[in-house]
PDB file of N, CA and C in Angstrom:
ATOM      1  N   MET A   1       0.827  -1.195   0.000  1.00  0.00           N
ATOM      2  CA  MET A   1       0.000   0.000   0.000  1.00  0.00           C
ATOM      3  C   MET A   1       0.873   1.261   0.000  1.00  0.00           C
ATOM      4  N   ALA A   2       1.991   1.193   0.735  1.00  0.00           N
ATOM      5  CA  ALA A   2       2.882   2.349   0.785  1.00  0.00           C
ATOM      6  C   ALA A   2       3.462   2.619  -0.589  1.00  0.00           C
ATOM      7  N   LEU A   3       3.827   1.546  -1.300  1.00  0.00           N
ATOM      8  CA  LEU A   3       4.362   1.709  -2.648  1.00  0.00           C
ATOM      9  C   LEU A   3       3.307   2.225  -3.611  1.00  0.00           C
ATOM     10  N   GLY A   4       2.046   1.990  -3.290  1.00  0.00           N
ATOM     11  CA  GLY A   4       0.951   2.465  -4.125  1.00  0.00           C
ATOM     12  C   GLY A   4       0.576   3.911  -3.858  1.00  0.00           C
ATOM     13  N   GLY A   5       1.262   4.540  -2.889  1.00  0.00           N
ATOM     14  CA  GLY A   5       1.012   5.959  -2.636  1.00  0.00           C
ATOM     15  C   GLY A   5       0.188   6.264  -1.400  1.00  0.00           C
ATOM     16  N   ASP A   6      -0.138   5.264  -0.601  1.00  0.00           N
ATOM     17  CA  ASP A   6      -0.914   5.485   0.620  1.00  0.00           C
ATOM     18  C   ASP A   6       0.006   6.137   1.666  1.00  0.00           C
ATOM     19  N   ALA A   7      -0.259   7.392   1.970  1.00  0.00           N
ATOM     20  CA  ALA A   7       0.604   8.161   2.873  1.00  0.00           C
ATOM     21  C   ALA A   7       0.627   7.567   4.277  1.00  0.00           C
ATOM     22  N   THR A   8      -0.498   7.087   4.756  1.00  0.00           N
ATOM     23  CA  THR A   8      -0.545   6.506   6.097  1.00  0.00           C
ATOM     24  C   THR A   8       0.286   5.227   6.153  1.00  0.00           C
ATOM     25  N   ALA A   9       0.159   4.391   5.145  1.00  0.00           N
ATOM     26  CA  ALA A   9       0.952   3.158   5.090  1.00  0.00           C
ATOM     27  C   ALA A   9       2.434   3.481   4.997  1.00  0.00           C
ATOM     28  N   LEU A  10       2.778   4.507   4.230  1.00  0.00           N
ATOM     29  CA  LEU A  10       4.172   4.921   4.104  1.00  0.00           C
ATOM     30  C   LEU A  10       4.721   5.408   5.440  1.00  0.00           C
ATOM     31  N   ARG A  11       3.932   6.197   6.149  1.00  0.00           N
ATOM     32  CA  ARG A  11       4.347   6.695   7.460  1.00  0.00           C
ATOM     33  C   ARG A  11       4.565   5.536   8.427  1.00  0.00           C
ATOM     34  N   LEU A  12       3.668   4.569   8.429  1.00  0.00           N
ATOM     35  CA  LEU A  12       3.812   3.413   9.314  1.00  0.00           C
ATOM     36  C   LEU A  12       5.075   2.614   8.982  1.00  0.00           C
ATOM     37  N   CYS A  13       5.361   2.447   7.701  1.00  0.00           N
ATOM     38  CA  CYS A  13       6.580   1.737   7.295  1.00  0.00           C
ATOM     39  C   CYS A  13       7.825   2.485   7.756  1.00  0.00           C
ATOM     40  N   LEU A  14       7.828   3.785   7.563  1.00  0.00           N
ATOM     41  CA  LEU A  14       8.991   4.592   7.967  1.00  0.00           C
ATOM     42  C   LEU A  14       9.183   4.575   9.479  1.00  0.00           C
ATOM     43  N   GLU A  15       8.095   4.606  10.231  1.00  0.00           N
ATOM     44  CA  GLU A  15       8.204   4.565  11.690  1.00  0.00           C
ATOM     45  C   GLU A  15       8.783   3.246  12.171  1.00  0.00           C
ATOM     46  N   ARG A  16       8.564   2.176  11.424  1.00  0.00           N
ATOM     47  CA  ARG A  16       9.142   0.878  11.786  1.00  0.00           C
ATOM     48  C   ARG A  16      10.625   0.826  11.427  1.00  0.00           C
ATOM     49  N   LEU A  17      10.984   1.463  10.328  1.00  0.00           N
ATOM     50  CA  LEU A  17      12.383   1.461   9.895  1.00  0.00           C
ATOM     51  C   LEU A  17      13.226   2.452  10.684  1.00  0.00           C
ATOM     52  N   VAL A  18      12.677   3.632  10.925  1.00  0.00           N
ATOM     53  CA  VAL A  18      13.364   4.693  11.669  1.00  0.00           C
ATOM     54  C   VAL A  18      12.388   5.195  12.725  1.00  0.00           C
ATOM     55  N   PRO A  19      12.397   4.550  13.897  1.00  0.00           N
ATOM     56  CA  PRO A  19      11.430   4.933  14.929  1.00  0.00           C
ATOM     57  C   PRO A  19      11.583   6.392  15.333  1.00  0.00           C
ATOM     58  N   PRO A  20      10.460   7.038  15.677  1.00  0.00           N
ATOM     59  CA  PRO A  20      10.557   8.423  16.128  1.00  0.00           C
ATOM     60  C   PRO A  20      11.361   8.512  17.428  1.00  0.00           C
ATOM     61  N   ARG A  21      12.078   9.576  17.572  1.00  0.00           N
ATOM     62  CA  ARG A  21      12.907   9.791  18.755  1.00  0.00           C
ATOM     63  C   ARG A  21      12.008   9.990  19.971  1.00  0.00           C
ATOM     64  N   LYS A  22      12.333   9.279  21.056  1.00  0.00           N
ATOM     65  CA  LYS A  22      11.497   9.357  22.249  1.00  0.00           C
ATOM     66  C   LYS A  22      12.100  10.222  23.346  1.00  0.00           C
ATOM     67  N   ASP A  23      13.382  10.496  23.233  1.00  0.00           N
ATOM     68  CA  ASP A  23      13.999  11.349  24.240  1.00  0.00           C
ATOM     69  C   ASP A  23      14.276  12.724  23.643  1.00  0.00           C
ATOM     70  N   SER A  24      14.648  13.631  24.490  1.00  0.00           N
ATOM     71  CA  SER A  24      14.944  14.980  24.014  1.00  0.00           C
ATOM     72  C   SER A  24      16.292  15.416  24.582  1.00  0.00           C
ATOM     73  N   PRO A  25      16.914  16.387  23.930  1.00  0.00           N
ATOM     74  CA  PRO A  25      18.205  16.857  24.435  1.00  0.00           C
ATOM     75  C   PRO A  25      18.093  17.421  25.849  1.00  0.00           C
ATOM     76  N   VAL A  26      19.152  17.244  26.604  1.00  0.00           N
ATOM     77  CA  VAL A  26      19.208  17.734  27.981  1.00  0.00           C
ATOM     78  C   VAL A  26      20.204  18.874  28.025  1.00  0.00           C
ATOM     79  N   SER A  27      19.820  19.954  28.671  1.00  0.00           N
ATOM     80  CA  SER A  27      20.726  21.093  28.800  1.00  0.00           C
ATOM     81  C   SER A  27      21.246  21.150  30.236  1.00  0.00           C
ATOM     82  N   LEU A  28      22.506  20.759  30.391  1.00  0.00           N
ATOM     83  CA  LEU A  28      23.141  20.781  31.704  1.00  0.00           C
ATOM     84  C   LEU A  28      24.627  20.984  31.489  1.00  0.00           C
ATOM     85  N   THR A  29      25.183  21.955  32.147  1.00  0.00           N
ATOM     86  CA  THR A  29      26.615  22.205  32.034  1.00  0.00           C
ATOM     87  C   THR A  29      27.346  21.346  33.050  1.00  0.00           C
ATOM     88  N   LEU A  30      28.199  20.466  32.538  1.00  0.00           N
ATOM     89  CA  LEU A  30      28.996  19.605  33.406  1.00  0.00           C
ATOM     90  C   LEU A  30      30.456  20.017  33.301  1.00  0.00           C
ATOM     91  N   PRO A  31      31.212  19.813  34.368  1.00  0.00           N
ATOM     92  CA  PRO A  31      32.648  20.104  34.279  1.00  0.00           C
ATOM     93  C   PRO A  31      33.322  19.107  33.350  1.00  0.00           C
ATOM     94  N   ASP A  32      34.472  19.491  32.794  1.00  0.00           N
ATOM     95  CA  ASP A  32      35.255  18.549  32.010  1.00  0.00           C
ATOM     96  C   ASP A  32      35.624  17.375  32.905  1.00  0.00           C
ATOM     97  N   VAL A  33      35.579  16.175  32.349  1.00  0.00           N
ATOM     98  CA  VAL A  33      35.897  14.988  33.135  1.00  0.00           C
ATOM     99  C   VAL A  33      37.192  14.398  32.592  1.00  0.00           C
ATOM    100  N   LYS A  34      38.289  14.689  33.315  1.00  0.00           N
ATOM    101  CA  LYS A  34      39.610  14.215  32.905  1.00  0.00           C
ATOM    102  C   LYS A  34      40.327  13.476  34.023  1.00  0.00           C
ATOM    103  N   THR A  35      39.812  13.598  35.246  1.00  0.00           N
ATOM    104  CA  THR A  35      40.435  12.938  36.396  1.00  0.00           C
ATOM    105  C   THR A  35      39.332  12.318  37.254  1.00  0.00           C
ATOM    106  N   PRO A  36      39.699  11.424  38.160  1.00  0.00           N
ATOM    107  CA  PRO A  36      38.687  10.867  39.068  1.00  0.00           C
ATOM    108  C   PRO A  36      37.966  11.941  39.881  1.00  0.00           C
ATOM    109  N   ALA A  37      38.657  12.994  40.260  1.00  0.00           N
ATOM    110  CA  ALA A  37      38.009  14.081  41.000  1.00  0.00           C
ATOM    111  C   ALA A  37      36.946  14.765  40.135  1.00  0.00           C
ATOM    112  N   ASP A  38      37.211  14.869  38.839  1.00  0.00           N
ATOM    113  CA  ASP A  38      36.242  15.465  37.922  1.00  0.00           C
ATOM    114  C   ASP A  38      34.979  14.610  37.832  1.00  0.00           C
ATOM    115  N   VAL A  39      35.140  13.290  37.935  1.00  0.00           N
ATOM    116  CA  VAL A  39      33.983  12.386  37.903  1.00  0.00           C
ATOM    117  C   VAL A  39      33.066  12.701  39.071  1.00  0.00           C
ATOM    118  N   LEU A  40      33.646  12.864  40.239  1.00  0.00           N
ATOM    119  CA  LEU A  40      32.856  13.197  41.421  1.00  0.00           C
ATOM    120  C   LEU A  40      32.128  14.522  41.232  1.00  0.00           C
ATOM    121  N   ASN A  41      32.807  15.510  40.682  1.00  0.00           N
ATOM    122  CA  ASN A  41      32.176  16.812  40.446  1.00  0.00           C
ATOM    123  C   ASN A  41      31.029  16.708  39.446  1.00  0.00           C
ATOM    124  N   ALA A  42      31.215  15.924  38.398  1.00  0.00           N
ATOM    125  CA  ALA A  42      30.166  15.764  37.393  1.00  0.00           C
ATOM    126  C   ALA A  42      28.956  15.039  37.987  1.00  0.00           C
ATOM    127  N   GLN A  43      29.219  13.978  38.743  1.00  0.00           N
ATOM    128  CA  GLN A  43      28.101  13.248  39.360  1.00  0.00           C
ATOM    129  C   GLN A  43      27.363  14.134  40.366  1.00  0.00           C
ATOM    130  N   SER A  44      28.100  14.975  41.074  1.00  0.00           N
ATOM    131  CA  SER A  44      27.469  15.898  42.023  1.00  0.00           C
ATOM    132  C   SER A  44      26.589  16.909  41.295  1.00  0.00           C
ATOM    133  N   ALA A  45      27.048  17.392  40.157  1.00  0.00           N
ATOM    134  CA  ALA A  45      26.255  18.346  39.366  1.00  0.00           C
ATOM    135  C   ALA A  45      24.973  17.687  38.864  1.00  0.00           C
ATOM    136  N   ILE A  46      25.072  16.432  38.458  1.00  0.00           N
ATOM    137  CA  ILE A  46      23.881  15.708  37.988  1.00  0.00           C
ATOM    138  C   ILE A  46      22.890  15.530  39.137  1.00  0.00           C
ATOM    139  N   LEU A  47      23.382  15.114  40.286  1.00  0.00           N
ATOM    140  CA  LEU A  47      22.517  14.921  41.448  1.00  0.00           C
ATOM    141  C   LEU A  47      21.856  16.227  41.865  1.00  0.00           C
ATOM    142  N   LYS A  48      22.603  17.313  41.841  1.00  0.00           N
ATOM    143  CA  LYS A  48      22.035  18.622  42.186  1.00  0.00           C
ATOM    144  C   LYS A  48      20.935  19.015  41.202  1.00  0.00           C
ATOM    145  N   ALA A  49      21.157  18.736  39.904  1.00  0.00           N
ATOM    146  CA  ALA A  49      20.155  19.070  38.890  1.00  0.00           C
ATOM    147  C   ALA A  49      18.862  18.297  39.122  1.00  0.00           C
ATOM    148  N   VAL A  50      18.969  17.052  39.571  1.00  0.00           N
ATOM    149  CA  VAL A  50      17.766  16.276  39.897  1.00  0.00           C
ATOM    150  C   VAL A  50      17.071  16.897  41.105  1.00  0.00           C
ATOM    151  N   GLY A  51      17.866  17.227  42.113  1.00  0.00           N
ATOM    152  CA  GLY A  51      17.294  17.844  43.310  1.00  0.00           C
ATOM    153  C   GLY A  51      16.620  19.176  43.035  1.00  0.00           C
ATOM    154  N   ASP A  52      17.171  19.916  42.077  1.00  0.00           N
ATOM    155  CA  ASP A  52      16.596  21.216  41.720  1.00  0.00           C
ATOM    156  C   ASP A  52      15.423  21.089  40.754  1.00  0.00           C
ATOM    157  N   GLY A  53      15.176  19.880  40.272  1.00  0.00           N
ATOM    158  CA  GLY A  53      14.081  19.672  39.333  1.00  0.00           C
ATOM    159  C   GLY A  53      14.426  19.991  37.887  1.00  0.00           C
ATOM    160  N   ASP A  54      15.717  20.159  37.593  1.00  0.00           N
ATOM    161  CA  ASP A  54      16.138  20.462  36.221  1.00  0.00           C
ATOM    162  C   ASP A  54      16.283  19.212  35.368  1.00  0.00           C
ATOM    163  N   LEU A  55      16.456  18.062  36.006  1.00  0.00           N
ATOM    164  CA  LEU A  55      16.575  16.783  35.307  1.00  0.00           C
ATOM    165  C   LEU A  55      15.632  15.774  35.940  1.00  0.00           C
ATOM    166  N   THR A  56      15.105  14.876  35.120  1.00  0.00           N
ATOM    167  CA  THR A  56      14.339  13.765  35.669  1.00  0.00           C
ATOM    168  C   THR A  56      15.323  12.695  36.122  1.00  0.00           C
ATOM    169  N   PRO A  57      14.894  11.809  36.999  1.00  0.00           N
ATOM    170  CA  PRO A  57      15.786  10.726  37.415  1.00  0.00           C
ATOM    171  C   PRO A  57      16.271   9.871  36.230  1.00  0.00           C
ATOM    172  N   ILE A  58      15.434   9.668  35.235  1.00  0.00           N
ATOM    173  CA  ILE A  58      15.843   8.870  34.072  1.00  0.00           C
ATOM    174  C   ILE A  58      16.917   9.611  33.277  1.00  0.00           C
ATOM    175  N   GLU A  59      16.750  10.907  33.078  1.00  0.00           N
ATOM    176  CA  GLU A  59      17.777  11.698  32.388  1.00  0.00           C
ATOM    177  C   GLU A  59      19.083  11.664  33.166  1.00  0.00           C
ATOM    178  N   ALA A  60      18.972  11.792  34.490  1.00  0.00           N
ATOM    179  CA  ALA A  60      20.169  11.767  35.337  1.00  0.00           C
ATOM    180  C   ALA A  60      20.866  10.419  35.253  1.00  0.00           C
ATOM    181  N   SER A  61      20.100   9.351  35.217  1.00  0.00           N
ATOM    182  CA  SER A  61      20.673   8.020  35.114  1.00  0.00           C
ATOM    183  C   SER A  61      21.455   7.861  33.808  1.00  0.00           C
ATOM    184  N   THR A  62      20.900   8.374  32.735  1.00  0.00           N
ATOM    185  CA  THR A  62      21.581   8.312  31.445  1.00  0.00           C
ATOM    186  C   THR A  62      22.875   9.106  31.481  1.00  0.00           C
ATOM    187  N   LEU A  63      22.831  10.323  32.011  1.00  0.00           N
ATOM    188  CA  LEU A  63      24.033  11.143  32.103  1.00  0.00           C
ATOM    189  C   LEU A  63      25.066  10.512  33.027  1.00  0.00           C
ATOM    190  N   SER A  64      24.607   9.958  34.135  1.00  0.00           N
ATOM    191  CA  SER A  64      25.527   9.298  35.063  1.00  0.00           C
ATOM    192  C   SER A  64      26.228   8.122  34.384  1.00  0.00           C
ATOM    193  N   GLY A  65      25.501   7.419  33.538  1.00  0.00           N
ATOM    194  CA  GLY A  65      26.104   6.315  32.793  1.00  0.00           C
ATOM    195  C   GLY A  65      27.201   6.803  31.868  1.00  0.00           C
ATOM    196  N   LEU A  66      26.976   7.939  31.231  1.00  0.00           N
ATOM    197  CA  LEU A  66      28.013   8.507  30.363  1.00  0.00           C
ATOM    198  C   LEU A  66      29.242   8.903  31.169  1.00  0.00           C
ATOM    199  N   VAL A  67      29.013   9.507  32.323  1.00  0.00           N
ATOM    200  CA  VAL A  67      30.134   9.896  33.188  1.00  0.00           C
ATOM    201  C   VAL A  67      30.869   8.648  33.678  1.00  0.00           C
ATOM    202  N   GLU A  68      30.117   7.598  34.009  1.00  0.00           N
ATOM    203  CA  GLU A  68      30.735   6.348  34.470  1.00  0.00           C
ATOM    204  C   GLU A  68      31.581   5.725  33.364  1.00  0.00           C
ATOM    205  N   ASN A  69      31.105   5.769  32.135  1.00  0.00           N
ATOM    206  CA  ASN A  69      31.902   5.254  31.014  1.00  0.00           C
ATOM    207  C   ASN A  69      33.194   6.044  30.860  1.00  0.00           C
ATOM    208  N   THR A  70      33.118   7.342  31.080  1.00  0.00           N
ATOM    209  CA  THR A  70      34.317   8.174  31.010  1.00  0.00           C
ATOM    210  C   THR A  70      35.279   7.807  32.135  1.00  0.00           C
ATOM    211  N   ARG A  71      34.739   7.545  33.327  1.00  0.00           N
ATOM    212  CA  ARG A  71      35.579   7.124  34.458  1.00  0.00           C
ATOM    213  C   ARG A  71      36.316   5.834  34.128  1.00  0.00           C
ATOM    214  N   LYS A  72      35.608   4.894  33.530  1.00  0.00           N
ATOM    215  CA  LYS A  72      36.242   3.628  33.164  1.00  0.00           C
ATOM    216  C   LYS A  72      37.350   3.850  32.142  1.00  0.00           C
ATOM    217  N   THR A  73      37.130   4.752  31.224  1.00  0.00           N
ATOM    218  CA  THR A  73      38.149   5.067  30.219  1.00  0.00           C
ATOM    219  C   THR A  73      39.374   5.672  30.885  1.00  0.00           C
ATOM    220  N   ILE A  74      39.167   6.601  31.797  1.00  0.00           N
ATOM    221  CA  ILE A  74      40.277   7.221  32.533  1.00  0.00           C
ATOM    222  C   ILE A  74      41.038   6.154  33.311  1.00  0.00           C
ATOM    223  N   GLU A  75      40.302   5.277  33.980  1.00  0.00           N
ATOM    224  CA  GLU A  75      40.920   4.223  34.774  1.00  0.00           C
ATOM    225  C   GLU A  75      41.728   3.264  33.893  1.00  0.00           C
ATOM    226  N   THR A  76      41.171   2.902  32.763  1.00  0.00           N
ATOM    227  CA  THR A  76      41.871   2.002  31.842  1.00  0.00           C
ATOM    228  C   THR A  76      43.150   2.637  31.324  1.00  0.00           C
ATOM    229  N   GLN A  77      43.062   3.910  30.973  1.00  0.00           N
ATOM    230  CA  GLN A  77      44.251   4.618  30.479  1.00  0.00           C
ATOM    231  C   GLN A  77      45.315   4.695  31.573  1.00  0.00           C
ATOM    232  N   ASP A  78      44.903   4.984  32.798  1.00  0.00           N
ATOM    233  CA  ASP A  78      45.840   5.065  33.912  1.00  0.00           C
ATOM    234  C   ASP A  78      46.518   3.712  34.152  1.00  0.00           C
ATOM    235  N   LEU A  79      45.730   2.638  34.145  1.00  0.00           N
ATOM    236  CA  LEU A  79      46.300   1.305  34.352  1.00  0.00           C
ATOM    237  C   LEU A  79      47.271   0.934  33.238  1.00  0.00           C
ATOM    238  N   GLU A  80      46.930   1.301  32.008  1.00  0.00           N
ATOM    239  CA  GLU A  80      47.819   1.011  30.882  1.00  0.00           C
ATOM    240  C   GLU A  80      49.134   1.757  31.034  1.00  0.00           C
ATOM    241  N   GLN A  81      49.082   3.013  31.455  1.00  0.00           N
ATOM    242  CA  GLN A  81      50.312   3.793  31.649  1.00  0.00           C
ATOM    243  C   GLN A  81      51.154   3.209  32.775  1.00  0.00           C
ATOM    244  N   ARG A  82      50.517   2.815  33.860  1.00  0.00           N
ATOM    245  CA  ARG A  82      51.244   2.235  34.987  1.00  0.00           C
ATOM    246  C   ARG A  82      51.871   0.901  34.609  1.00  0.00           C
ATOM    247  N   LEU A  83      51.136   0.080  33.857  1.00  0.00           N
ATOM    248  CA  LEU A  83      51.664  -1.207  33.423  1.00  0.00           C
ATOM    249  C   LEU A  83      52.855  -1.021  32.493  1.00  0.00           C
ATOM    250  N   THR A  84      52.761  -0.081  31.578  1.00  0.00           N
ATOM    251  CA  THR A  84      53.867   0.207  30.667  1.00  0.00           C
ATOM    252  C   THR A  84      55.101   0.656  31.449  1.00  0.00           C
ATOM    253  N   ALA A  85      54.890   1.508  32.451  1.00  0.00           N
ATOM    254  CA  ALA A  85      56.012   1.975  33.269  1.00  0.00           C
ATOM    255  C   ALA A  85      56.652   0.814  34.035  1.00  0.00           C
ATOM    256  N   LEU A  86      55.835  -0.081  34.581  1.00  0.00           N
ATOM    257  CA  LEU A  86      56.374  -1.248  35.290  1.00  0.00           C
ATOM    258  C   LEU A  86      57.156  -2.160  34.344  1.00  0.00           C
ATOM    259  N   GLU A  87      56.603  -2.388  33.161  1.00  0.00           N
ATOM    260  CA  GLU A  87      57.296  -3.243  32.193  1.00  0.00           C
ATOM    261  C   GLU A  87      58.633  -2.628  31.786  1.00  0.00           C
ATOM    262  N   THR A  88      58.660  -1.332  31.608  1.00  0.00           N
ATOM    263  CA  THR A  88      59.904  -0.639  31.257  1.00  0.00           C
ATOM    264  C   THR A  88      60.919  -0.782  32.372  1.00  0.00           C
ATOM    265  N   THR A  89      60.494  -0.594  33.595  1.00  0.00           N
ATOM    266  CA  THR A  89      61.377  -0.733  34.761  1.00  0.00           C
ATOM    267  C   THR A  89      61.925  -2.144  34.849  1.00  0.00           C
ATOM    268  N   LEU A  90      61.064  -3.132  34.662  1.00  0.00           N
ATOM    269  CA  LEU A  90      61.522  -4.532  34.735  1.00  0.00           C
ATOM    270  C   LEU A  90      62.518  -4.860  33.619  1.00  0.00           C
ATOM    271  N   LYS A  91      62.291  -4.339  32.435  1.00  0.00           N
ATOM    272  CA  LYS A  91      63.220  -4.572  31.331  1.00  0.00           C
ATOM    273  C   LYS A  91      64.570  -3.946  31.635  1.00  0.00           C
ATOM    274  N   GLN A  92      64.545  -2.732  32.199  1.00  0.00           N
ATOM    275  CA  GLN A  92      65.798  -2.040  32.521  1.00  0.00           C
ATOM    276  C   GLN A  92      66.539  -2.797  33.623  1.00  0.00           C
ATOM    277  N   GLN A  93      65.837  -3.319  34.585  1.00  0.00           N
ATOM    278  CA  GLN A  93      66.482  -4.089  35.654  1.00  0.00           C
ATOM    279  C   GLN A  93      67.027  -5.415  35.143  1.00  0.00           C
ATOM    280  N   GLY A  94      66.385  -5.971  34.129  1.00  0.00           N
ATOM    281  CA  GLY A  94      66.837  -7.247  33.561  1.00  0.00           C
ATOM    282  C   GLY A  94      68.090  -7.109  32.713  1.00  0.00           C
ATOM    283  N   THR A  95      68.349  -5.916  32.212  1.00  0.00           N
ATOM    284  CA  THR A  95      69.538  -5.702  31.367  1.00  0.00           C
ATOM    285  C   THR A  95      70.754  -5.311  32.177  1.00  0.00           C
ATOM    286  N   ARG A  96      70.631  -5.169  33.457  1.00  0.00           N
ATOM    287  CA  ARG A  96      71.760  -4.775  34.315  1.00  0.00           C
ATOM    288  C   ARG A  96      72.605  -5.932  34.688  1.00  0.00           C
TER     289      ARG A  96
END
């Protein structure tokens, strides 16, 4: 029917292929997150926004998840740097 020009059928097909967006953009200024201390500051800002009624708990949960993913990235990078430094030290000690 959609191929035959039925606008309603076409709309229904498109909604199945590309569902309408159910969320909306959130406007909240968060600090840059580059260190573990920054993670705490960002999470505190999110919690304050919920308390002030600027964010819903679901929006806050989504933002907190993004901040948590950033924390994991920072932690992984830190562990990789520390491991590389240890390996370098061990190699240098082995050549003595």
